[in-house]
Each structure stands twice: as C-alpha cells, then as structure tokens.
C-alpha cells in the first residue's frame, strides 16, 4: 500500500471535514494518461465517487493518480500563503510526464 506522509503543517491546515485530494489533470491530446498531479484540500462530502484512498484516511486520489502513486513514498506539506493554503508534495515537478513515459519518479 501507499506510503503517504502528511507533515504536521498539512495535518493542522486541514479542517475537521476535509481531506487531501491528489487530482490528475490531462495535459495530452494523444493519450488519456498524459497529465500532471495537483494536491488540494477537499471536503469529504465533495470527494468524487471514484476517488481512492492513499494509505491514510486523510489522503485520496483520482484513479489515474492513484495508479502512479500507490507504491511510492510521498510527503505532503502545506505552506500558507496569506489566507490561502497551498498543499505541495515532494514529487519532482515533471512527475506526471515521467509516469506517462514509463520512467521512474524517484530514479528506481
């Protein structure tokens, strides 16, 4: 199963009814797998039906993102920007492209 870790800042930034959602955004026209990840807080009641749990009950992912992240160690952090919360991961900036090309994200 997934090795997702939430930092203390990320846990504190979540409200009582929220989870972290790892979304997948299609960026390619040639195949449905070409895309990128994004991370955001989402109320449990707003989770898409097909969202899949990643390790802890505080992190869910789009099915396509889940396939790529299911066995990876990923740390999720939160950096406040004024009144906004910006959730980030330790994934490389080109992680989605690497996944699409069948290349390892962490050099394995």
N, C-alpha and C. Protein backbone atom coordinates (compact mmCIF):
# COMPACT_ATOMS: atom_id res chain seq x y z
N UNK A 1 0.84 -1.19 0.00
CA UNK A 1 0.00 0.00 0.00
C UNK A 1 0.87 1.24 0.00
N UNK A 2 0.27 2.34 -0.20
CA UNK A 2 0.94 3.63 -0.33
C UNK A 2 1.64 4.06 0.95
N UNK A 3 2.70 4.82 0.79
CA UNK A 3 3.47 5.34 1.90
C UNK A 3 3.35 6.86 1.93
N UNK A 4 2.14 7.34 2.03
CA UNK A 4 1.88 8.78 2.05
C UNK A 4 2.08 9.30 3.47
N UNK A 5 2.81 10.41 3.58
CA UNK A 5 3.05 11.04 4.88
C UNK A 5 2.56 12.47 4.83
N UNK A 6 1.77 12.85 5.81
CA UNK A 6 1.34 14.25 5.95
C UNK A 6 2.21 14.89 7.02
N UNK A 7 2.79 16.05 6.71
CA UNK A 7 3.57 16.76 7.71
C UNK A 7 2.62 17.34 8.77
N UNK A 8 3.19 17.79 9.87
CA UNK A 8 2.38 18.38 10.93
C UNK A 8 1.64 19.62 10.40
N UNK A 9 2.31 20.40 9.56
CA UNK A 9 1.67 21.60 8.99
C UNK A 9 0.48 21.23 8.12
N UNK A 10 0.60 20.16 7.35
CA UNK A 10 -0.51 19.72 6.49
C UNK A 10 -1.68 19.23 7.32
N UNK A 11 -1.40 18.48 8.37
CA UNK A 11 -2.48 17.99 9.25
C UNK A 11 -3.21 19.15 9.93
N UNK A 12 -2.46 20.14 10.37
CA UNK A 12 -3.06 21.29 11.06
C UNK A 12 -3.86 22.16 10.09
N UNK A 13 -3.44 22.20 8.84
CA UNK A 13 -4.13 23.06 7.86
C UNK A 13 -5.48 22.48 7.44
N UNK A 14 -5.64 21.17 7.58
CA UNK A 14 -6.92 20.56 7.21
C UNK A 14 -7.98 20.88 8.24
N UNK A 15 -9.16 21.21 7.77
CA UNK A 15 -10.30 21.42 8.66
C UNK A 15 -10.89 20.07 9.03
N UNK A 16 -11.80 20.05 9.98
CA UNK A 16 -12.35 18.79 10.51
C UNK A 16 -13.00 17.93 9.43
N UNK A 17 -13.65 18.54 8.46
CA UNK A 17 -14.37 17.77 7.44
C UNK A 17 -13.60 17.66 6.12
N UNK A 18 -12.30 17.92 6.12
CA UNK A 18 -11.52 17.94 4.89
C UNK A 18 -10.52 16.78 4.81
N UNK A 19 -10.17 16.46 3.58
CA UNK A 19 -9.11 15.51 3.27
C UNK A 19 -8.23 16.14 2.19
N UNK A 20 -7.07 15.54 1.96
CA UNK A 20 -6.20 15.98 0.87
C UNK A 20 -6.56 15.13 -0.34
N UNK A 21 -6.77 15.79 -1.48
CA UNK A 21 -7.12 15.10 -2.71
C UNK A 21 -6.02 15.32 -3.74
N UNK A 22 -5.47 14.21 -4.24
CA UNK A 22 -4.46 14.27 -5.30
C UNK A 22 -5.20 14.08 -6.61
N UNK A 23 -5.25 15.13 -7.39
CA UNK A 23 -6.01 15.10 -8.64
C UNK A 23 -5.08 14.85 -9.82
N UNK A 24 -5.66 14.43 -10.92
CA UNK A 24 -4.92 14.17 -12.16
C UNK A 24 -5.53 15.05 -13.24
N UNK A 25 -4.70 15.86 -13.89
CA UNK A 25 -5.16 16.76 -14.94
C UNK A 25 -4.58 16.31 -16.27
N UNK A 26 -5.44 15.96 -17.20
CA UNK A 26 -5.00 15.52 -18.51
C UNK A 26 -4.38 16.70 -19.25
N UNK A 27 -3.17 16.51 -19.75
CA UNK A 27 -2.50 17.58 -20.48
C UNK A 27 -2.18 17.20 -21.91
N UNK A 28 -2.36 15.95 -22.26
CA UNK A 28 -2.04 15.49 -23.62
C UNK A 28 -3.30 15.18 -24.40
N UNK A 29 -3.25 15.39 -25.68
CA UNK A 29 -4.37 15.07 -26.54
C UNK A 29 -4.23 13.68 -27.17
N UNK A 30 -3.02 13.16 -27.19
CA UNK A 30 -2.79 11.90 -27.89
C UNK A 30 -3.16 10.68 -27.05
N UNK A 31 -3.07 10.77 -25.74
CA UNK A 31 -3.44 9.63 -24.91
C UNK A 31 -3.99 10.14 -23.58
N UNK A 32 -4.88 9.38 -22.98
CA UNK A 32 -5.55 9.82 -21.75
C UNK A 32 -4.63 9.79 -20.55
N UNK A 33 -3.47 9.15 -20.64
CA UNK A 33 -2.59 9.02 -19.50
C UNK A 33 -1.66 10.22 -19.35
N UNK A 34 -1.54 11.07 -20.35
CA UNK A 34 -0.64 12.21 -20.27
C UNK A 34 -1.27 13.27 -19.37
N UNK A 35 -0.58 13.59 -18.27
CA UNK A 35 -1.14 14.56 -17.35
C UNK A 35 -0.20 14.94 -16.24
N UNK A 36 -0.72 15.68 -15.29
CA UNK A 36 0.05 16.15 -14.14
C UNK A 36 -0.78 16.02 -12.88
N UNK A 37 -0.08 15.99 -11.73
CA UNK A 37 -0.72 15.90 -10.43
C UNK A 37 -0.99 17.29 -9.86
N UNK A 38 -2.03 17.40 -9.05
CA UNK A 38 -2.23 18.58 -8.22
C UNK A 38 -2.74 18.10 -6.86
N UNK A 39 -2.50 18.87 -5.84
CA UNK A 39 -2.88 18.48 -4.48
C UNK A 39 -3.69 19.63 -3.89
N UNK A 40 -4.85 19.30 -3.30
CA UNK A 40 -5.70 20.35 -2.74
C UNK A 40 -6.56 19.77 -1.62
N UNK A 41 -7.00 20.64 -0.72
CA UNK A 41 -7.94 20.17 0.31
C UNK A 41 -9.34 20.09 -0.29
N UNK A 42 -10.11 19.14 0.19
CA UNK A 42 -11.46 18.94 -0.33
C UNK A 42 -12.33 18.39 0.79
N UNK A 43 -13.55 18.90 0.90
CA UNK A 43 -14.46 18.35 1.90
C UNK A 43 -14.79 16.91 1.55
N UNK A 44 -14.92 16.07 2.57
CA UNK A 44 -15.25 14.65 2.33
C UNK A 44 -16.52 14.51 1.50
N UNK A 45 -17.48 15.37 1.74
CA UNK A 45 -18.75 15.28 1.01
C UNK A 45 -18.59 15.63 -0.47
N UNK A 46 -17.51 16.28 -0.84
CA UNK A 46 -17.27 16.68 -2.23
C UNK A 46 -16.32 15.74 -2.98
N UNK A 47 -15.86 14.68 -2.32
CA UNK A 47 -14.96 13.74 -2.97
C UNK A 47 -15.66 13.08 -4.17
N UNK A 48 -14.97 12.96 -5.29
CA UNK A 48 -15.56 12.25 -6.42
C UNK A 48 -15.84 10.79 -6.04
N UNK A 49 -16.85 10.20 -6.62
CA UNK A 49 -17.22 8.82 -6.32
C UNK A 49 -16.08 7.84 -6.54
N UNK A 50 -15.29 8.08 -7.56
CA UNK A 50 -14.22 7.14 -7.91
C UNK A 50 -12.92 7.40 -7.17
N UNK A 51 -12.89 8.37 -6.26
CA UNK A 51 -11.66 8.66 -5.51
C UNK A 51 -11.25 7.42 -4.72
N UNK A 52 -9.94 7.19 -4.70
CA UNK A 52 -9.40 6.03 -3.99
C UNK A 52 -8.50 6.49 -2.86
N UNK A 53 -8.58 5.79 -1.76
CA UNK A 53 -7.78 6.16 -0.58
C UNK A 53 -6.32 5.81 -0.81
N UNK A 54 -5.44 6.73 -0.41
CA UNK A 54 -4.00 6.53 -0.49
C UNK A 54 -3.46 6.38 0.93
N UNK A 55 -3.30 5.20 1.40
CA UNK A 55 -2.72 4.97 2.72
C UNK A 55 -3.62 5.39 3.85
N UNK A 56 -3.49 6.58 4.31
CA UNK A 56 -4.26 7.11 5.43
C UNK A 56 -5.65 7.54 5.00
N UNK A 57 -6.56 7.68 5.95
CA UNK A 57 -7.91 8.12 5.60
C UNK A 57 -8.00 9.62 5.38
N UNK A 58 -6.87 10.31 5.40
CA UNK A 58 -6.84 11.75 5.14
C UNK A 58 -6.40 12.09 3.71
N UNK A 59 -6.00 11.08 2.94
CA UNK A 59 -5.50 11.34 1.58
C UNK A 59 -6.23 10.44 0.59
N UNK A 60 -6.80 11.06 -0.44
CA UNK A 60 -7.50 10.35 -1.51
C UNK A 60 -6.93 10.81 -2.84
N UNK A 61 -7.13 9.98 -3.87
CA UNK A 61 -6.57 10.32 -5.17
C UNK A 61 -7.53 9.95 -6.30
N UNK A 62 -7.41 10.68 -7.37
CA UNK A 62 -8.09 10.36 -8.64
C UNK A 62 -7.57 8.98 -9.05
N UNK A 63 -8.39 8.13 -9.67
CA UNK A 63 -7.94 6.78 -10.04
C UNK A 63 -6.64 6.74 -10.85
N UNK A 64 -6.46 7.65 -11.79
CA UNK A 64 -5.24 7.66 -12.59
C UNK A 64 -4.04 8.07 -11.74
N UNK A 65 -4.21 9.04 -10.86
CA UNK A 65 -3.13 9.44 -9.96
C UNK A 65 -2.80 8.30 -9.00
N UNK A 66 -3.82 7.62 -8.52
CA UNK A 66 -3.62 6.52 -7.58
C UNK A 66 -2.74 5.44 -8.18
N UNK A 67 -2.97 5.11 -9.45
CA UNK A 67 -2.17 4.07 -10.11
C UNK A 67 -0.69 4.43 -10.07
N UNK A 68 -0.36 5.68 -10.28
CA UNK A 68 1.03 6.11 -10.32
C UNK A 68 1.64 6.27 -8.93
N UNK A 69 0.83 6.55 -7.92
CA UNK A 69 1.35 6.84 -6.58
C UNK A 69 1.17 5.72 -5.57
N UNK A 70 0.48 4.65 -5.94
CA UNK A 70 0.10 3.61 -4.99
C UNK A 70 1.28 3.01 -4.22
N UNK A 71 2.43 2.88 -4.81
CA UNK A 71 3.57 2.24 -4.14
C UNK A 71 4.70 3.21 -3.81
N UNK A 72 4.49 4.50 -4.03
CA UNK A 72 5.58 5.47 -3.83
C UNK A 72 5.53 6.13 -2.46
N UNK A 73 6.70 6.45 -1.90
CA UNK A 73 6.74 7.25 -0.68
C UNK A 73 6.58 8.73 -1.06
N UNK A 74 5.52 9.35 -0.62
CA UNK A 74 5.25 10.76 -0.95
C UNK A 74 4.95 11.51 0.34
N UNK A 75 5.56 12.68 0.49
CA UNK A 75 5.29 13.54 1.63
C UNK A 75 4.48 14.73 1.16
N UNK A 76 3.39 15.02 1.89
CA UNK A 76 2.53 16.16 1.56
C UNK A 76 2.70 17.21 2.65
N UNK A 77 2.94 18.44 2.22
CA UNK A 77 3.15 19.55 3.15
C UNK A 77 2.16 20.66 2.81
N UNK A 78 2.02 21.61 3.71
CA UNK A 78 1.16 22.76 3.46
C UNK A 78 1.94 24.03 3.79
N UNK A 79 1.89 24.96 2.87
CA UNK A 79 2.53 26.27 3.07
C UNK A 79 1.45 27.33 2.96
N UNK A 80 1.18 28.02 4.05
CA UNK A 80 0.16 29.07 3.97
C UNK A 80 0.66 30.26 3.15
N UNK A 81 -0.23 30.77 2.33
CA UNK A 81 0.05 31.97 1.53
C UNK A 81 -1.02 33.00 1.90
N UNK A 82 -0.75 33.78 2.92
CA UNK A 82 -1.77 34.70 3.40
C UNK A 82 -2.93 33.92 3.99
N UNK A 83 -4.12 34.11 3.44
CA UNK A 83 -5.28 33.37 3.93
C UNK A 83 -5.51 32.07 3.18
N UNK A 84 -4.71 31.79 2.14
CA UNK A 84 -4.84 30.57 1.36
C UNK A 84 -3.89 29.51 1.88
N UNK A 85 -4.23 28.26 1.59
CA UNK A 85 -3.39 27.13 1.95
C UNK A 85 -2.90 26.48 0.67
N UNK A 86 -1.60 26.28 0.57
CA UNK A 86 -1.03 25.66 -0.63
C UNK A 86 -0.42 24.31 -0.23
N UNK A 87 -1.06 23.24 -0.66
CA UNK A 87 -0.56 21.91 -0.38
C UNK A 87 0.42 21.51 -1.48
N UNK A 88 1.56 20.96 -1.08
CA UNK A 88 2.60 20.56 -2.02
C UNK A 88 3.07 19.14 -1.69
N UNK A 89 3.75 18.53 -2.65
CA UNK A 89 4.34 17.21 -2.44
C UNK A 89 5.83 17.28 -2.72
N UNK A 90 6.52 16.22 -2.37
CA UNK A 90 7.94 16.14 -2.68
C UNK A 90 8.19 15.44 -4.02
N UNK A 91 7.13 15.30 -4.82
CA UNK A 91 7.29 14.72 -6.15
C UNK A 91 8.08 15.69 -7.03
N UNK A 92 8.87 15.17 -7.97
CA UNK A 92 9.57 16.06 -8.89
C UNK A 92 8.56 16.85 -9.74
N UNK A 93 8.93 18.03 -10.21
CA UNK A 93 7.98 18.84 -10.98
C UNK A 93 7.51 18.17 -12.27
N UNK A 94 8.28 17.22 -12.80
CA UNK A 94 7.88 16.54 -14.03
C UNK A 94 7.36 15.13 -13.75
N UNK A 95 6.82 14.89 -12.57
CA UNK A 95 6.37 13.55 -12.17
C UNK A 95 5.32 13.00 -13.12
N UNK A 96 4.36 13.81 -13.52
CA UNK A 96 3.32 13.33 -14.43
C UNK A 96 3.89 12.91 -15.77
N UNK A 97 4.82 13.69 -16.31
CA UNK A 97 5.45 13.34 -17.58
C UNK A 97 6.24 12.05 -17.45
N UNK A 98 6.95 11.89 -16.34
CA UNK A 98 7.71 10.66 -16.12
C UNK A 98 6.78 9.45 -16.09
N UNK A 99 5.65 9.60 -15.41
CA UNK A 99 4.68 8.50 -15.34
C UNK A 99 4.18 8.13 -16.73
N UNK A 100 3.88 9.14 -17.52
CA UNK A 100 3.35 8.91 -18.87
C UNK A 100 4.35 8.19 -19.75
N UNK A 101 5.63 8.44 -19.53
CA UNK A 101 6.67 7.84 -20.36
C UNK A 101 7.20 6.54 -19.77
N UNK A 102 6.62 6.10 -18.66
CA UNK A 102 7.06 4.85 -18.05
C UNK A 102 8.39 4.95 -17.34
N UNK A 103 8.80 6.15 -16.98
CA UNK A 103 10.07 6.35 -16.29
C UNK A 103 9.81 6.44 -14.78
N UNK A 104 10.73 5.96 -13.97
CA UNK A 104 10.52 6.01 -12.52
C UNK A 104 10.56 7.44 -12.00
N UNK A 105 9.72 7.71 -11.02
CA UNK A 105 9.64 9.05 -10.45
C UNK A 105 10.85 9.32 -9.56
N UNK A 106 11.24 8.32 -8.76
CA UNK A 106 12.34 8.52 -7.81
C UNK A 106 13.62 7.83 -8.23
N UNK A 107 13.80 7.59 -9.52
CA UNK A 107 15.06 7.04 -10.01
C UNK A 107 15.24 5.55 -9.76
N UNK A 108 14.18 4.84 -9.42
CA UNK A 108 14.30 3.40 -9.20
C UNK A 108 14.09 2.66 -10.48
